[in-house]
Amino acid sequence: MAAETADTAPAVRAPARRPRVVLVDVLGTMLRMDALGSRFVDIGRPAEEARLFFARTLRDGMALTLTGDAPPFGVVARAALRTVVGPELAPDAVEHVLGGLRELPPHADVEPALLGLTRAKVPVYAFTHGDPAVAAAALDRAGLRTYLREVLSTQAVRAFKPAPRTYLWACAKVDSSPDRTALLAAHSWDVHGAVRAGLVGALATRTEGWVPDVVDPPHVWAERLDDTVIRLLNLPA
């Protein structure tokens, strides 16, 4: 059997300790991707295609990461959109849909979660696949930027999560060891990737409804993001 590479070999599971730094996923965790549905309606498509578009973008980005360096999120998203809707989609329609990424509203449980981390004096960083400027604009519009030290994007390492190098790069950027850094997300695959990379995993199950059996269990989980943060902060120091 081929030896595991540094980007696939699991790290030692981090102990269940209160983190010194928290990375928070953006799309689907802090910002509501379902709101992009209205942009699809604007171009004559069903709102439900927004979910398929996002899923395909993530799938293609992950596949490209597995086979080498991944293009920027925007490039992958444009290709995914044309695949979902049709290659004949007009350029202005493409830009109209993708422009919605700058105007996504927040989930209701996000600000209480970020406020809890701020009051506990735990530094918080947004952690996304996409263009950091687009993410920053959306978070600013949503009123969340004030809680965040910085917006980090995996584009810097030409990879999509859950490749281990994305989490380890983020830990290096914030000058925190993986075992004292938490990844907070509403996607079990994302938290699984972080746990496998040696981080503390915190999952909000509001999207999936449970912790799937196939992923490494997170260190803490709850339905809402703010309740997940409470459990994260209650871990022993």
Protein backbone atom coordinates (compact mmCIF):
# COMPACT_ATOMS: atom_id res chain seq x y z
CA MET A 1 0.00 0.00 0.00
CA ALA A 2 1.33 3.44 -0.89
CA ALA A 3 2.58 5.53 2.01
CA GLU A 4 0.35 8.41 3.08
CA THR A 5 1.53 11.86 2.10
CA ALA A 6 1.84 14.80 4.47
CA ASP A 7 -1.43 16.16 3.09
CA THR A 8 -3.43 13.01 3.81
CA ALA A 9 -1.85 11.45 6.90
CA PRO A 10 -3.93 12.21 10.00
CA ALA A 11 -2.31 14.04 12.88
CA VAL A 12 -2.69 12.99 16.49
CA ARG A 13 -6.15 13.97 17.74
CA ALA A 14 -6.00 17.17 19.76
CA PRO A 15 -7.04 16.91 23.40
CA ALA A 16 -10.39 18.44 24.34
CA ARG A 17 -9.08 21.78 25.62
CA ARG A 18 -10.37 25.32 25.42
CA PRO A 19 -8.81 26.89 22.31
CA ARG A 20 -6.63 29.99 22.32
CA VAL A 21 -7.75 30.92 18.78
CA VAL A 22 -10.89 30.11 16.80
CA LEU A 23 -11.21 29.89 13.01
CA VAL A 24 -14.80 30.25 11.78
CA ASP A 25 -15.98 29.01 8.40
CA VAL A 26 -17.80 31.65 6.34
CA LEU A 27 -20.09 30.26 3.62
CA GLY A 28 -22.95 28.31 5.12
CA THR A 29 -21.70 28.78 8.68
CA MET A 30 -21.70 32.55 9.17
CA LEU A 31 -23.46 33.58 5.95
CA ARG A 32 -26.68 32.12 4.53
CA MET A 33 -26.03 30.50 1.17
CA ASP A 34 -29.76 29.90 0.66
CA ALA A 35 -30.15 33.65 0.13
CA LEU A 36 -28.39 33.21 -3.21
CA GLY A 37 -31.58 31.55 -4.45
CA SER A 38 -33.16 34.90 -5.30
CA ARG A 39 -30.31 35.59 -7.72
CA PHE A 40 -31.14 32.37 -9.56
CA VAL A 41 -34.78 33.41 -9.74
CA ASP A 42 -33.65 36.74 -11.22
CA ILE A 43 -32.08 34.91 -14.17
CA GLY A 44 -35.10 32.66 -14.68
CA ARG A 45 -33.91 29.62 -12.77
CA PRO A 46 -35.36 27.86 -9.69
CA ALA A 47 -34.07 29.05 -6.34
CA GLU A 48 -33.18 25.46 -5.42
CA GLU A 49 -30.34 25.52 -7.94
CA ALA A 50 -28.36 27.70 -5.55
CA ARG A 51 -27.80 24.69 -3.30
CA LEU A 52 -26.66 22.53 -6.22
CA PHE A 53 -24.36 25.29 -7.43
CA PHE A 54 -22.67 25.63 -4.03
CA ALA A 55 -22.32 21.87 -3.62
CA ARG A 56 -20.81 21.50 -7.08
CA THR A 57 -18.38 24.35 -6.48
CA LEU A 58 -17.13 22.69 -3.29
CA ARG A 59 -16.99 19.26 -4.91
CA ASP A 60 -15.00 20.50 -7.88
CA GLY A 61 -12.66 22.52 -5.68
CA MET A 62 -11.98 19.49 -3.51
CA ALA A 63 -11.40 17.27 -6.57
CA LEU A 64 -8.97 19.79 -8.05
CA THR A 65 -7.14 19.96 -4.72
CA LEU A 66 -6.79 16.18 -4.67
CA THR A 67 -5.14 16.23 -8.08
CA GLY A 68 -2.87 19.24 -7.58
CA ASP A 69 -3.25 22.96 -7.05
CA ALA A 70 -6.81 24.29 -7.15
CA PRO A 71 -7.75 27.43 -9.09
CA PRO A 72 -9.22 30.37 -7.14
CA PHE A 73 -12.73 29.94 -5.78
CA GLY A 74 -14.20 32.40 -8.26
CA VAL A 75 -12.87 30.44 -11.23
CA VAL A 76 -14.26 27.18 -9.88
CA ALA A 77 -17.59 28.84 -9.03
CA ARG A 78 -18.01 30.26 -12.53
CA ALA A 79 -17.41 26.86 -14.10
CA ALA A 80 -19.79 25.19 -11.64
CA LEU A 81 -22.50 27.77 -12.35
CA ARG A 82 -22.27 27.22 -16.11
CA THR A 83 -22.42 23.46 -15.56
CA VAL A 84 -25.52 23.69 -13.37
CA VAL A 85 -27.43 26.24 -15.44
CA GLY A 86 -25.93 25.61 -18.87
CA PRO A 87 -22.81 26.72 -20.76
CA GLU A 88 -24.86 29.24 -22.73
CA LEU A 89 -25.50 31.34 -19.61
CA ALA A 90 -24.82 34.99 -20.45
CA PRO A 91 -21.80 36.65 -18.79
CA ASP A 92 -23.98 39.31 -17.13
CA ALA A 93 -26.16 36.56 -15.61
CA VAL A 94 -23.05 34.82 -14.27
CA GLU A 95 -21.86 38.05 -12.66
CA HIS A 96 -25.32 38.76 -11.25
CA VAL A 97 -25.41 35.41 -9.44
CA LEU A 98 -21.82 35.57 -8.20
CA GLY A 99 -22.31 39.18 -7.12
CA GLY A 100 -24.75 37.86 -4.56
CA LEU A 101 -21.83 36.39 -2.61
CA ARG A 102 -21.03 39.92 -1.42
CA GLU A 103 -24.53 40.40 -0.01
CA LEU A 104 -25.28 37.19 1.87
CA PRO A 105 -27.10 37.78 5.18
CA PRO A 106 -25.89 36.18 8.42
CA HIS A 107 -27.45 33.27 10.24
CA ALA A 108 -29.22 34.40 13.41
CA ASP A 109 -26.94 32.43 15.74
CA VAL A 110 -23.68 33.91 14.41
CA GLU A 111 -23.45 37.26 16.17
CA PRO A 112 -24.22 35.74 19.60
CA ALA A 113 -21.52 33.14 18.95
CA LEU A 114 -18.92 35.73 17.95
CA LEU A 115 -19.93 37.97 20.85
CA GLY A 116 -19.38 35.07 23.25
CA LEU A 117 -15.87 34.48 21.92
CA THR A 118 -15.09 38.21 22.04
CA ARG A 119 -16.22 38.49 25.65
CA ALA A 120 -14.05 35.47 26.49
CA LYS A 121 -11.11 37.30 24.85
CA VAL A 122 -10.54 34.50 22.33
CA PRO A 123 -9.24 35.85 18.98
CA VAL A 124 -11.50 34.94 16.06
CA TYR A 125 -10.60 34.71 12.38
CA ALA A 126 -12.87 34.11 9.41
CA PHE A 127 -11.64 31.14 7.36
CA THR A 128 -12.95 30.69 3.83
CA HIS A 129 -12.28 29.18 0.41
CA GLY A 130 -13.18 32.29 -1.52
CA ASP A 131 -11.72 35.65 -2.40
CA PRO A 132 -10.91 37.25 0.98
CA ALA A 133 -12.02 40.67 -0.30
CA VAL A 134 -15.44 39.30 -1.29
CA ALA A 135 -15.79 37.52 2.05
CA ALA A 136 -14.73 40.64 3.95
CA ALA A 137 -17.29 42.75 2.05
CA ALA A 138 -20.06 40.27 2.84
CA LEU A 139 -19.09 40.03 6.51
CA ASP A 140 -18.88 43.81 6.78
CA ARG A 141 -22.33 44.18 5.20
CA ALA A 142 -23.64 41.55 7.64
CA GLY A 143 -22.25 43.51 10.60
CA LEU A 144 -19.83 40.79 11.66
CA ARG A 145 -16.40 42.16 10.71
CA THR A 146 -16.01 43.98 14.01
CA TYR A 147 -15.69 40.62 15.79
CA LEU A 148 -13.00 39.25 13.44
CA ARG A 149 -9.26 39.84 13.50
CA GLU A 150 -8.79 38.98 9.81
CA VAL A 151 -10.30 37.07 6.89
CA LEU A 152 -8.11 34.12 5.86
CA SER A 153 -8.58 32.29 2.57
CA THR A 154 -7.28 28.92 1.44
CA GLN A 155 -6.58 30.53 -1.94
CA ALA A 156 -3.20 31.45 -0.45
CA VAL A 157 -2.20 27.76 -0.58
CA ARG A 158 -4.15 27.00 -3.79
CA ALA A 159 -6.32 24.43 -2.08
CA PHE A 160 -9.84 23.87 -0.82
CA LYS A 161 -10.70 22.57 2.62
CA PRO A 162 -10.59 19.87 3.93
CA ALA A 163 -6.99 19.38 2.73
CA PRO A 164 -4.83 19.28 5.89
CA ARG A 165 -2.47 21.96 4.54
CA THR A 166 -5.27 24.52 4.58
CA TYR A 167 -5.82 24.21 8.32
CA LEU A 168 -2.11 24.04 9.12
CA TRP A 169 -1.46 27.13 7.00
CA ALA A 170 -4.19 28.99 8.89
CA CYS A 171 -2.71 27.97 12.24
CA ALA A 172 0.68 29.26 11.13
CA LYS A 173 -0.89 32.55 9.98
CA VAL A 174 -2.47 33.16 13.37
CA ASP A 175 0.63 31.92 15.23
CA SER A 176 -1.23 29.21 17.11
CA SER A 177 -0.46 25.50 17.38
CA PRO A 178 -3.14 23.25 15.82
CA ASP A 179 -4.02 21.62 19.14
CA ARG A 180 -4.82 25.04 20.67
CA THR A 181 -6.78 26.22 17.62
CA ALA A 182 -10.44 25.39 16.97
CA LEU A 183 -12.35 25.22 13.71
CA LEU A 184 -16.00 26.24 14.13
CA ALA A 185 -18.27 25.30 11.24
CA ALA A 186 -21.71 24.06 10.25
CA HIS A 187 -20.27 21.46 7.85
CA SER A 188 -19.25 18.09 9.32
CA TRP A 189 -16.76 17.45 6.50
CA ASP A 190 -14.98 20.72 7.34
CA VAL A 191 -14.77 19.94 11.04
CA HIS A 192 -13.67 16.40 10.19
CA GLY A 193 -10.79 17.83 8.13
CA ALA A 194 -9.75 20.10 10.96
CA VAL A 195 -9.83 17.28 13.52
CA ARG A 196 -7.78 15.06 11.23
CA ALA A 197 -5.24 17.91 10.90
CA GLY A 198 -4.87 18.07 14.69
CA LEU A 199 -7.20 20.98 15.51
CA VAL A 200 -10.07 21.14 17.98
CA GLY A 201 -13.34 20.57 16.13
CA ALA A 202 -16.57 22.45 16.93
CA LEU A 203 -19.66 21.59 14.87
CA ALA A 204 -23.03 23.32 14.69
CA THR A 205 -25.46 20.68 13.45
CA ARG A 206 -28.16 23.15 12.27
CA THR A 207 -27.51 22.28 8.62
CA GLU A 208 -27.08 18.51 8.78
CA GLY A 209 -29.13 17.69 11.88
CA TRP A 210 -26.62 15.27 13.39
CA VAL A 211 -22.98 14.19 13.52
CA PRO A 212 -22.60 11.69 10.66
CA ASP A 213 -21.08 8.33 11.60
CA VAL A 214 -18.46 8.55 8.84
CA VAL A 215 -16.62 11.61 10.20
CA ASP A 216 -14.21 11.88 13.09
CA PRO A 217 -16.33 13.17 15.97
CA PRO A 218 -15.90 16.84 16.81
CA HIS A 219 -14.74 17.78 20.28
CA VAL A 220 -17.98 19.71 20.86
CA TRP A 221 -21.23 20.09 19.00
CA ALA A 222 -24.70 21.57 19.36
CA GLU A 223 -27.46 22.57 16.97
CA ARG A 224 -26.83 26.32 17.16
CA LEU A 225 -23.51 28.05 16.60
CA ASP A 226 -23.74 30.06 19.83
CA ASP A 227 -24.47 26.94 21.89
CA THR A 228 -21.51 25.23 20.24
CA VAL A 229 -19.31 28.15 21.32
CA ILE A 230 -20.54 27.84 24.91
CA ARG A 231 -19.47 24.19 24.94
CA LEU A 232 -16.15 25.10 23.33
CA LEU A 233 -15.43 27.71 26.00
CA ASN A 234 -16.42 25.27 28.74
CA LEU A 235 -13.66 22.84 27.76
CA PRO A 236 -10.86 22.58 30.35
CA ALA A 237 -7.96 24.98 29.88
